[in-house]
Amino acid sequence: MPARPLSVPTASSTAVRTAFLTVKDAADYLGLSPHTLYVWRHRRQGPPSFRMGPRGRVMYRVEALDAWVREQEQADSRSNSALNPLNVRPRERSARFTAA
């Protein structure tokens, strides 16, 4: 039986590869530039990331990216009708602002 070539990904290596993304891959996944992710990381903004391995490579979990995107949607009044200012009933004016 011939040996399996090393370049063919196994199911487990594919799962690991898709569970964690490099900065470039995470940027592609989110439709951003890698520079934006680096700036956000430096400012402690944006999706959660961590360093992995002896070289300290910055990585992102796909699950964390998806959760972060959902949080962004919920924080936006155009996606979350509860935050839409047009859905809030206007407040009554106080007596000091009414005409005499």
C-alpha atoms as a PDB file:
ATOM      1  CA  MET A   1       0.000   0.000   0.000  1.00  0.00           C
ATOM      2  CA  PRO A   2       1.564   3.370  -0.979  1.00  0.00           C
ATOM      3  CA  ALA A   3       2.171   5.966   1.688  1.00  0.00           C
ATOM      4  CA  ARG A   4      -0.305   8.807   1.879  1.00  0.00           C
ATOM      5  CA  PRO A   5       1.159  12.103   0.621  1.00  0.00           C
ATOM      6  CA  LEU A   6       1.798  14.667   3.356  1.00  0.00           C
ATOM      7  CA  SER A   7       0.133  17.485   1.439  1.00  0.00           C
ATOM      8  CA  VAL A   8      -3.342  15.914   1.660  1.00  0.00           C
ATOM      9  CA  PRO A   9      -5.147  17.408   4.671  1.00  0.00           C
ATOM     10  CA  THR A  10      -6.856  15.003   7.032  1.00  0.00           C
ATOM     11  CA  ALA A  11     -10.273  15.707   8.508  1.00  0.00           C
ATOM     12  CA  SER A  12      -8.761  16.594  11.891  1.00  0.00           C
ATOM     13  CA  SER A  13      -6.144  18.970  10.444  1.00  0.00           C
ATOM     14  CA  THR A  14      -8.842  20.667   8.359  1.00  0.00           C
ATOM     15  CA  ALA A  15     -10.999  21.099  11.468  1.00  0.00           C
ATOM     16  CA  VAL A  16      -8.104  22.640  13.385  1.00  0.00           C
ATOM     17  CA  ARG A  17      -7.221  24.852  10.453  1.00  0.00           C
ATOM     18  CA  THR A  18     -10.790  26.138  10.192  1.00  0.00           C
ATOM     19  CA  ALA A  19     -11.258  26.519  13.967  1.00  0.00           C
ATOM     20  CA  PHE A  20      -8.332  28.963  14.215  1.00  0.00           C
ATOM     21  CA  LEU A  21      -7.497  31.734  11.779  1.00  0.00           C
ATOM     22  CA  THR A  22      -4.357  33.808  11.343  1.00  0.00           C
ATOM     23  CA  VAL A  23      -4.649  37.590  11.210  1.00  0.00           C
ATOM     24  CA  LYS A  24      -4.713  37.504   7.403  1.00  0.00           C
ATOM     25  CA  ASP A  25      -7.344  34.765   7.288  1.00  0.00           C
ATOM     26  CA  ALA A  26      -9.454  36.465   9.983  1.00  0.00           C
ATOM     27  CA  ALA A  27      -9.256  39.729   8.052  1.00  0.00           C
ATOM     28  CA  ASP A  28     -10.404  37.953   4.888  1.00  0.00           C
ATOM     29  CA  TYR A  29     -13.192  36.245   6.847  1.00  0.00           C
ATOM     30  CA  LEU A  30     -14.442  39.601   8.193  1.00  0.00           C
ATOM     31  CA  GLY A  31     -13.825  41.564   5.007  1.00  0.00           C
ATOM     32  CA  LEU A  32     -11.258  43.827   6.679  1.00  0.00           C
ATOM     33  CA  SER A  33      -7.592  44.532   6.183  1.00  0.00           C
ATOM     34  CA  PRO A  34      -5.026  42.776   8.400  1.00  0.00           C
ATOM     35  CA  HIS A  35      -3.795  46.239   9.420  1.00  0.00           C
ATOM     36  CA  THR A  36      -7.231  47.043  10.877  1.00  0.00           C
ATOM     37  CA  LEU A  37      -7.122  43.904  13.023  1.00  0.00           C
ATOM     38  CA  TYR A  38      -3.592  44.757  14.218  1.00  0.00           C
ATOM     39  CA  VAL A  39      -4.689  48.291  15.148  1.00  0.00           C
ATOM     40  CA  TRP A  40      -7.787  47.015  16.948  1.00  0.00           C
ATOM     41  CA  ARG A  41      -5.710  44.443  18.819  1.00  0.00           C
ATOM     42  CA  HIS A  42      -3.239  47.138  19.884  1.00  0.00           C
ATOM     43  CA  ARG A  43      -6.141  49.300  21.123  1.00  0.00           C
ATOM     44  CA  ARG A  44      -7.808  46.270  22.762  1.00  0.00           C
ATOM     45  CA  GLN A  45     -10.821  46.624  20.470  1.00  0.00           C
ATOM     46  CA  GLY A  46     -12.356  44.326  17.908  1.00  0.00           C
ATOM     47  CA  PRO A  47     -12.763  40.572  18.056  1.00  0.00           C
ATOM     48  CA  PRO A  48     -10.915  38.589  20.731  1.00  0.00           C
ATOM     49  CA  SER A  49      -7.548  37.168  19.714  1.00  0.00           C
ATOM     50  CA  PHE A  50      -4.710  35.345  21.413  1.00  0.00           C
ATOM     51  CA  ARG A  51      -1.135  34.265  20.847  1.00  0.00           C
ATOM     52  CA  MET A  52      -0.523  30.614  20.036  1.00  0.00           C
ATOM     53  CA  GLY A  53       2.628  28.547  19.927  1.00  0.00           C
ATOM     54  CA  PRO A  54       6.279  29.235  20.684  1.00  0.00           C
ATOM     55  CA  ARG A  55       6.463  32.014  18.090  1.00  0.00           C
ATOM     56  CA  GLY A  56       3.443  33.750  19.595  1.00  0.00           C
ATOM     57  CA  ARG A  57       1.431  33.892  16.395  1.00  0.00           C
ATOM     58  CA  VAL A  58      -1.765  35.958  16.736  1.00  0.00           C
ATOM     59  CA  MET A  59      -4.801  33.755  16.126  1.00  0.00           C
ATOM     60  CA  TYR A  60      -8.570  34.098  16.118  1.00  0.00           C
ATOM     61  CA  ARG A  61     -11.226  31.483  16.806  1.00  0.00           C
ATOM     62  CA  VAL A  62     -13.892  31.350  14.102  1.00  0.00           C
ATOM     63  CA  GLU A  63     -16.540  30.956  16.838  1.00  0.00           C
ATOM     64  CA  ALA A  64     -15.283  34.130  18.540  1.00  0.00           C
ATOM     65  CA  LEU A  65     -15.363  36.051  15.261  1.00  0.00           C
ATOM     66  CA  ASP A  66     -18.947  34.954  14.625  1.00  0.00           C
ATOM     67  CA  ALA A  67     -19.972  35.919  18.173  1.00  0.00           C
ATOM     68  CA  TRP A  68     -18.258  39.305  17.822  1.00  0.00           C
ATOM     69  CA  VAL A  69     -20.103  39.985  14.556  1.00  0.00           C
ATOM     70  CA  ARG A  70     -23.424  39.100  16.247  1.00  0.00           C
ATOM     71  CA  GLU A  71     -22.582  41.541  19.084  1.00  0.00           C
ATOM     72  CA  GLN A  72     -21.879  44.267  16.530  1.00  0.00           C
ATOM     73  CA  GLU A  73     -25.239  43.627  14.864  1.00  0.00           C
ATOM     74  CA  GLN A  74     -27.091  43.822  18.182  1.00  0.00           C
ATOM     75  CA  ALA A  75     -25.331  47.080  19.103  1.00  0.00           C
ATOM     76  CA  ASP A  76     -26.411  48.742  15.843  1.00  0.00           C
ATOM     77  CA  SER A  77     -29.801  50.443  15.830  1.00  0.00           C
ATOM     78  CA  ARG A  78     -30.326  49.539  12.164  1.00  0.00           C
ATOM     79  CA  SER A  79     -30.129  45.817  13.012  1.00  0.00           C
ATOM     80  CA  ASN A  80     -31.729  45.919  16.459  1.00  0.00           C
ATOM     81  CA  SER A  81     -35.169  47.512  16.442  1.00  0.00           C
ATOM     82  CA  ALA A  82     -35.065  47.915  20.243  1.00  0.00           C
ATOM     83  CA  LEU A  83     -32.265  50.473  19.777  1.00  0.00           C
ATOM     84  CA  ASN A  84     -33.934  52.340  16.917  1.00  0.00           C
ATOM     85  CA  PRO A  85     -34.638  55.881  18.139  1.00  0.00           C
ATOM     86  CA  LEU A  86     -37.698  56.058  15.878  1.00  0.00           C
ATOM     87  CA  ASN A  87     -39.330  53.249  17.895  1.00  0.00           C
ATOM     88  CA  VAL A  88     -39.126  55.221  21.146  1.00  0.00           C
ATOM     89  CA  ARG A  89     -42.116  57.293  22.104  1.00  0.00           C
ATOM     90  CA  PRO A  90     -41.250  60.993  22.437  1.00  0.00           C
ATOM     91  CA  ARG A  91     -41.012  62.270  26.005  1.00  0.00           C
ATOM     92  CA  GLU A  92     -43.327  64.960  27.296  1.00  0.00           C
ATOM     93  CA  ARG A  93     -41.793  68.397  27.533  1.00  0.00           C
ATOM     94  CA  SER A  94     -41.289  69.717  31.018  1.00  0.00           C
ATOM     95  CA  ALA A  95     -43.267  72.731  32.238  1.00  0.00           C
ATOM     96  CA  ARG A  96     -40.287  75.082  31.993  1.00  0.00           C
ATOM     97  CA  PHE A  97     -40.129  74.591  28.206  1.00  0.00           C
ATOM     98  CA  THR A  98     -43.801  75.147  27.502  1.00  0.00           C
ATOM     99  CA  ALA A  99     -45.036  78.545  26.370  1.00  0.00           C
ATOM    100  CA  ALA A 100     -46.883  80.676  28.875  1.00  0.00           C
END
